[in-house]
Amino acid sequence: MKLSVITAVALVPFVSAHYFFDKLIVNGKETASFQYVRSNTRPNKYNPTKWNNVRDNMTPDMSDFRCNKGAFTFAGKTGVAEIKAGSKVALKLAVNAHIQHPGPSLVYMSKAPNGVKNYQGDGDWFKIFEDSVCNKNADFTREAWCSYNKDRVEFTIPADTPDGEYLIRPEHIGVHGAHAGQAEFYYSCAQVKIVGGGKGKPGPMIKFPGGYKKTDPSFNFSIYNGYKPYPMPGPKVWNGGASSASSGRDHRSHPRDFIAEPEYTPEVADEVEVEAGEE
């Protein structure tokens, strides 16, 4: 496939920038690849999940959007890390990769009713972390985003988290193609046992699939022509204590408020998915 000069130039920062999470880090101690993180069955583990220009027959409307394609088949052979509530935790990218797409990072948790190795993640999920833009004056297609060029997503387990076994789901959303409905989702699930926790009531809750919609403004957003506020997807972050079902953001009432209509946007079709070495 031949690319136009404009499209090829626009793609330079995004070529060969796909990634996946494989290592859990607890209080600075890094664990082995897939020791506590479920693997997946994708031909290329780094492939993103998308609504358009789909790879591996996988979309955010499928049940595997919880932990990635085929991840539950690895649940029984994946370890369960014991973590004290209040600990600093990170999920690190595999093969020394770095996040080189613009977009937000988020972390969700879901409590397993009968042991996390037997849990598909079909219950409720609550958000414990999010980041988006850290420097409005930087390049909005790159370094303006907090997670850009980092090799991990770092967060703290709320001290009030009730004891029990959980899935932790780190997620990075690449929004470089979101103006054309091609947001990219990178995510995995770690298996953990929380100890020394509290009596907090996590929430608001969502489910996967279903918590994200193709029409959400978060996934129909343009990074081009400078900074603009980004509407975070999902519910409000739970930091501990009681939750409120009404405290989540209402992003969906006026989606056009968040969708840019720039004078220039790069062409996006199959081209936005070009990988180094692929045709």
Protein backbone atom coordinates (compact mmCIF):
# COMPACT_ATOMS: atom_id res chain seq x y z
CA MET A 1 0.00 0.00 0.00
CA LYS A 2 1.29 3.48 -0.88
CA LEU A 3 0.83 6.29 1.60
CA SER A 4 0.41 9.95 0.78
CA VAL A 5 3.26 12.20 1.93
CA ILE A 6 1.00 13.91 4.49
CA THR A 7 -0.23 10.62 5.90
CA ALA A 8 3.23 9.11 6.06
CA VAL A 9 4.57 12.13 7.95
CA ALA A 10 1.65 12.04 10.37
CA LEU A 11 2.30 8.37 11.08
CA VAL A 12 5.98 8.73 12.00
CA PRO A 13 5.40 9.02 15.79
CA PHE A 14 2.95 6.12 15.78
CA VAL A 15 4.69 3.45 13.71
CA SER A 16 5.86 0.43 15.70
CA ALA A 17 4.40 1.85 18.92
CA HIS A 18 2.12 -0.99 20.01
CA TYR A 19 2.62 -2.65 23.38
CA PHE A 20 1.20 -4.91 26.10
CA PHE A 21 1.49 -5.22 29.88
CA ASP A 22 3.24 -8.31 31.29
CA LYS A 23 4.92 -7.44 34.60
CA LEU A 24 3.52 -6.50 38.01
CA ILE A 25 5.62 -4.24 40.24
CA VAL A 26 4.81 -3.96 43.95
CA ASN A 27 6.55 -1.37 46.13
CA GLY A 28 9.37 -1.18 43.59
CA LYS A 29 9.90 -4.95 43.26
CA GLU A 30 9.48 -6.16 39.69
CA THR A 31 8.09 -9.65 39.08
CA ALA A 32 8.65 -11.96 36.12
CA SER A 33 6.88 -11.67 32.79
CA PHE A 34 3.34 -13.08 33.07
CA GLN A 35 4.02 -14.34 36.61
CA TYR A 36 0.96 -12.50 37.89
CA VAL A 37 -0.44 -11.05 34.64
CA ARG A 38 -2.65 -13.13 32.37
CA SER A 39 -1.24 -13.61 28.89
CA ASN A 40 -3.41 -13.54 25.75
CA THR A 41 -3.86 -15.67 22.63
CA ARG A 42 -3.47 -12.98 19.98
CA PRO A 43 -1.02 -13.80 17.14
CA ASN A 44 0.80 -10.60 18.10
CA LYS A 45 0.28 -9.93 21.80
CA TYR A 46 0.76 -6.20 21.27
CA ASN A 47 -2.20 -5.79 18.91
CA PRO A 48 -4.72 -3.16 20.05
CA THR A 49 -8.46 -3.68 20.40
CA LYS A 50 -10.57 -1.36 18.22
CA TRP A 51 -14.09 -0.82 16.95
CA ASN A 52 -12.90 -0.01 13.42
CA ASN A 53 -10.12 -1.58 11.36
CA VAL A 54 -10.42 -4.54 13.73
CA ARG A 55 -7.52 -6.87 14.48
CA ASP A 56 -7.83 -10.54 15.50
CA ASN A 57 -11.64 -10.33 15.27
CA MET A 58 -11.61 -8.46 18.59
CA THR A 59 -13.67 -5.38 19.57
CA PRO A 60 -14.50 -3.61 22.86
CA ASP A 61 -18.01 -5.08 22.68
CA MET A 62 -16.75 -8.63 23.28
CA SER A 63 -16.38 -10.41 26.62
CA ASP A 64 -12.61 -10.74 26.12
CA PHE A 65 -12.37 -6.95 26.39
CA ARG A 66 -12.15 -7.57 30.14
CA CYS A 67 -8.60 -8.94 30.12
CA ASN A 68 -7.74 -9.42 26.41
CA LYS A 69 -8.34 -12.15 23.88
CA GLY A 70 -8.14 -15.65 25.38
CA ALA A 71 -6.74 -14.34 28.67
CA PHE A 72 -9.02 -16.47 30.85
CA THR A 73 -7.37 -19.61 29.46
CA PHE A 74 -4.23 -18.51 31.33
CA ALA A 75 -5.96 -17.76 34.65
CA GLY A 76 -5.27 -21.15 36.25
CA LYS A 77 -1.56 -21.07 35.48
CA THR A 78 -1.07 -17.42 36.47
CA GLY A 79 0.00 -16.66 40.04
CA VAL A 80 -1.83 -14.51 42.59
CA ALA A 81 0.27 -11.72 44.10
CA GLU A 82 -0.40 -10.77 47.72
CA ILE A 83 -0.49 -6.99 48.06
CA LYS A 84 -1.13 -4.90 51.16
CA ALA A 85 -3.78 -2.23 50.68
CA GLY A 86 -2.15 1.17 50.34
CA SER A 87 0.83 -0.22 48.41
CA LYS A 88 2.35 1.45 45.38
CA VAL A 89 1.87 -0.75 42.33
CA ALA A 90 2.72 -0.60 38.65
CA LEU A 91 2.07 -2.61 35.52
CA LYS A 92 5.03 -2.56 33.15
CA LEU A 93 5.13 -3.02 29.39
CA ALA A 94 6.83 -6.05 27.86
CA VAL A 95 10.03 -6.15 25.76
CA ASN A 96 11.30 -2.79 27.03
CA ALA A 97 8.52 -0.98 25.20
CA HIS A 98 7.33 2.53 25.99
CA ILE A 99 3.94 4.15 25.53
CA GLN A 100 4.35 6.13 22.33
CA HIS A 101 0.76 6.93 21.55
CA PRO A 102 -1.05 9.99 22.96
CA GLY A 103 -3.91 9.17 25.27
CA PRO A 104 -5.02 8.48 28.84
CA SER A 105 -4.06 5.69 31.22
CA LEU A 106 -6.60 4.10 33.56
CA VAL A 107 -6.65 1.30 36.15
CA TYR A 108 -9.71 -0.71 37.17
CA MET A 109 -10.27 -3.40 39.80
CA SER A 110 -12.90 -6.13 40.09
CA LYS A 111 -13.38 -8.39 43.11
CA ALA A 112 -13.55 -12.12 42.43
CA PRO A 113 -16.44 -13.84 44.24
CA ASN A 114 -14.80 -17.28 44.46
CA GLY A 115 -11.10 -16.94 43.77
CA VAL A 116 -9.49 -14.89 41.04
CA LYS A 117 -8.17 -17.93 39.13
CA ASN A 118 -11.78 -18.91 38.49
CA TYR A 119 -12.97 -15.40 37.68
CA GLN A 120 -13.64 -14.20 34.15
CA GLY A 121 -14.17 -10.57 35.18
CA ASP A 122 -17.88 -10.60 34.42
CA GLY A 123 -18.72 -8.77 37.66
CA ASP A 124 -18.49 -5.09 38.56
CA TRP A 125 -15.40 -2.95 37.97
CA PHE A 126 -14.35 0.27 39.70
CA LYS A 127 -11.66 2.74 38.70
CA ILE A 128 -8.76 3.51 41.05
CA PHE A 129 -6.53 5.61 38.77
CA GLU A 130 -6.57 7.80 35.69
CA ASP A 131 -4.32 10.32 34.00
CA SER A 132 -4.60 12.31 30.80
CA VAL A 133 -2.84 15.61 30.05
CA CYS A 134 -0.01 16.88 32.26
CA ASN A 135 1.34 19.75 30.15
CA LYS A 136 -1.13 21.75 28.07
CA ASN A 137 1.72 23.69 26.48
CA ALA A 138 3.56 20.63 25.14
CA ASP A 139 2.93 18.84 21.85
CA PHE A 140 -0.66 17.63 22.16
CA THR A 141 0.08 14.73 19.84
CA ARG A 142 2.91 13.51 22.08
CA GLU A 143 4.49 14.79 25.30
CA ALA A 144 1.46 16.71 26.58
CA TRP A 145 0.03 13.39 27.78
CA CYS A 146 1.13 12.18 31.21
CA SER A 147 1.89 8.62 30.14
CA TYR A 148 3.70 9.42 26.91
CA ASN A 149 7.05 7.59 26.60
CA LYS A 150 6.64 5.83 29.96
CA ASP A 151 7.18 2.09 30.29
CA ARG A 152 4.55 1.53 32.97
CA VAL A 153 1.34 2.71 34.59
CA GLU A 154 1.85 3.48 38.30
CA PHE A 155 -0.84 3.81 40.95
CA THR A 156 -1.70 3.14 44.61
CA ILE A 157 -4.16 0.55 45.88
CA PRO A 158 -6.62 2.54 48.04
CA ALA A 159 -6.02 1.78 51.73
CA ASP A 160 -9.77 1.24 52.24
CA THR A 161 -9.95 -1.55 49.65
CA PRO A 162 -11.67 -4.58 51.24
CA ASP A 163 -9.57 -7.72 51.57
CA GLY A 164 -10.02 -10.37 48.91
CA GLU A 165 -8.87 -11.52 45.49
CA TYR A 166 -9.15 -9.12 42.57
CA LEU A 167 -8.35 -8.55 38.96
CA ILE A 168 -6.41 -5.35 38.31
CA ARG A 169 -6.88 -4.06 34.76
CA PRO A 170 -4.38 -1.45 33.51
CA GLU A 171 -5.36 0.25 30.29
CA HIS A 172 -3.87 2.76 27.90
CA ILE A 173 -6.04 4.26 25.18
CA GLY A 174 -4.28 5.53 22.08
CA VAL A 175 -6.33 8.42 20.69
CA HIS A 176 -4.19 9.35 17.68
CA GLY A 177 -6.88 7.94 15.38
CA ALA A 178 -9.88 8.65 17.60
CA HIS A 179 -11.03 11.55 15.40
CA ALA A 180 -11.84 8.86 12.81
CA GLY A 181 -13.36 6.41 15.29
CA GLN A 182 -10.14 4.43 15.66
CA ALA A 183 -9.25 4.66 19.34
CA GLU A 184 -6.86 1.86 20.33
CA PHE A 185 -7.11 -0.06 23.62
CA TYR A 186 -4.09 -1.72 25.28
CA TYR A 187 -4.90 -3.67 28.46
CA SER A 188 -4.25 -6.79 30.53
CA CYS A 189 -5.31 -8.22 33.90
CA ALA A 190 -3.16 -8.96 36.95
CA GLN A 191 -4.33 -11.45 39.60
CA VAL A 192 -3.89 -10.20 43.18
CA LYS A 193 -4.95 -10.82 46.75
CA ILE A 194 -5.46 -7.64 48.79
CA VAL A 195 -4.64 -7.93 52.50
CA GLY A 196 -4.66 -5.45 55.38
CA GLY A 197 -7.44 -3.49 53.73
CA GLY A 198 -10.42 -1.63 55.08
CA LYS A 199 -14.18 -1.43 54.87
CA GLY A 200 -14.47 0.93 51.94
CA LYS A 201 -17.28 0.65 49.44
CA PRO A 202 -15.73 0.88 45.97
CA GLY A 203 -17.67 2.55 43.18
CA PRO A 204 -19.23 3.78 40.97
CA MET A 205 -19.21 0.50 39.08
CA ILE A 206 -19.21 -0.43 35.40
CA LYS A 207 -19.01 -3.67 33.47
CA PHE A 208 -16.82 -4.87 30.61
CA PRO A 209 -18.08 -5.06 27.97
CA GLY A 210 -20.71 -2.35 28.16
CA GLY A 211 -18.87 0.31 30.16
CA TYR A 212 -17.56 1.92 27.00
CA LYS A 213 -19.64 2.79 23.93
CA LYS A 214 -18.41 3.35 20.40
CA THR A 215 -20.13 6.74 20.38
CA ASP A 216 -18.56 8.01 23.63
CA PRO A 217 -16.79 11.37 23.16
CA SER A 218 -13.65 9.88 24.72
CA PHE A 219 -13.25 7.70 21.63
CA ASN A 220 -14.25 10.32 19.05
CA PHE A 221 -11.72 12.99 19.95
CA SER A 222 -9.11 14.85 17.92
CA ILE A 223 -5.60 15.54 19.19
CA TYR A 224 -4.85 17.76 16.20
CA ASN A 225 -4.64 21.59 16.12
CA GLY A 226 -3.62 21.99 19.73
CA TYR A 227 -4.82 21.37 23.26
CA LYS A 228 -8.44 20.83 24.18
CA PRO A 229 -9.96 19.20 27.31
CA TYR A 230 -10.13 15.42 27.09
CA PRO A 231 -13.31 13.74 28.44
CA MET A 232 -12.16 10.76 30.50
CA PRO A 233 -14.08 7.53 29.90
CA GLY A 234 -15.68 5.42 32.59
CA PRO A 235 -16.74 6.30 36.13
CA LYS A 236 -15.14 8.61 38.66
CA VAL A 237 -11.97 7.37 40.38
CA TRP A 238 -12.53 5.68 43.74
CA ASN A 239 -9.84 6.70 46.24
CA GLY A 240 -11.38 5.03 49.29
CA GLY A 241 -14.33 5.47 51.60
CA ALA A 242 -17.95 5.30 50.50
CA SER A 243 -18.95 5.55 46.87
CA SER A 244 -21.77 7.41 45.21
CA ALA A 245 -23.54 5.98 42.20
CA SER A 246 -24.27 9.53 41.05
CA SER A 247 -20.66 10.74 41.28
CA GLY A 248 -19.54 9.42 37.89
CA ARG A 249 -18.99 11.86 35.07
CA ASP A 250 -21.71 12.35 32.50
CA HIS A 251 -19.65 12.36 29.31
CA ARG A 252 -22.40 11.28 27.01
CA SER A 253 -24.97 14.05 27.29
CA HIS A 254 -23.27 16.42 24.85
CA PRO A 255 -20.66 14.48 22.89
CA ARG A 256 -20.20 17.20 20.29
CA ASP A 257 -18.77 19.45 23.00
CA PHE A 258 -15.68 17.26 22.99
CA ILE A 259 -15.22 16.32 19.33
CA ALA A 260 -12.90 18.64 17.49
CA GLU A 261 -13.53 19.69 13.90
CA PRO A 262 -9.95 20.59 12.92
CA GLU A 263 -8.96 22.20 9.64
CA TYR A 264 -6.39 19.43 9.20
CA THR A 265 -6.43 15.83 10.31
CA PRO A 266 -4.28 13.03 8.93
CA GLU A 267 -5.86 10.45 6.70
CA VAL A 268 -6.86 7.42 8.74
CA ALA A 269 -7.86 4.05 7.37
CA ASP A 270 -5.62 1.02 7.29
CA GLU A 271 -2.67 3.42 7.27
CA VAL A 272 -2.93 4.31 10.94
CA GLU A 273 -2.14 0.69 11.75
CA VAL A 274 1.10 0.40 9.78
CA GLU A 275 3.78 -1.46 11.76
CA ALA A 276 7.48 -1.43 11.05
CA GLY A 277 8.22 -4.33 8.78
CA GLU A 278 4.58 -4.81 7.74
CA GLU A 279 2.98 -3.95 4.43
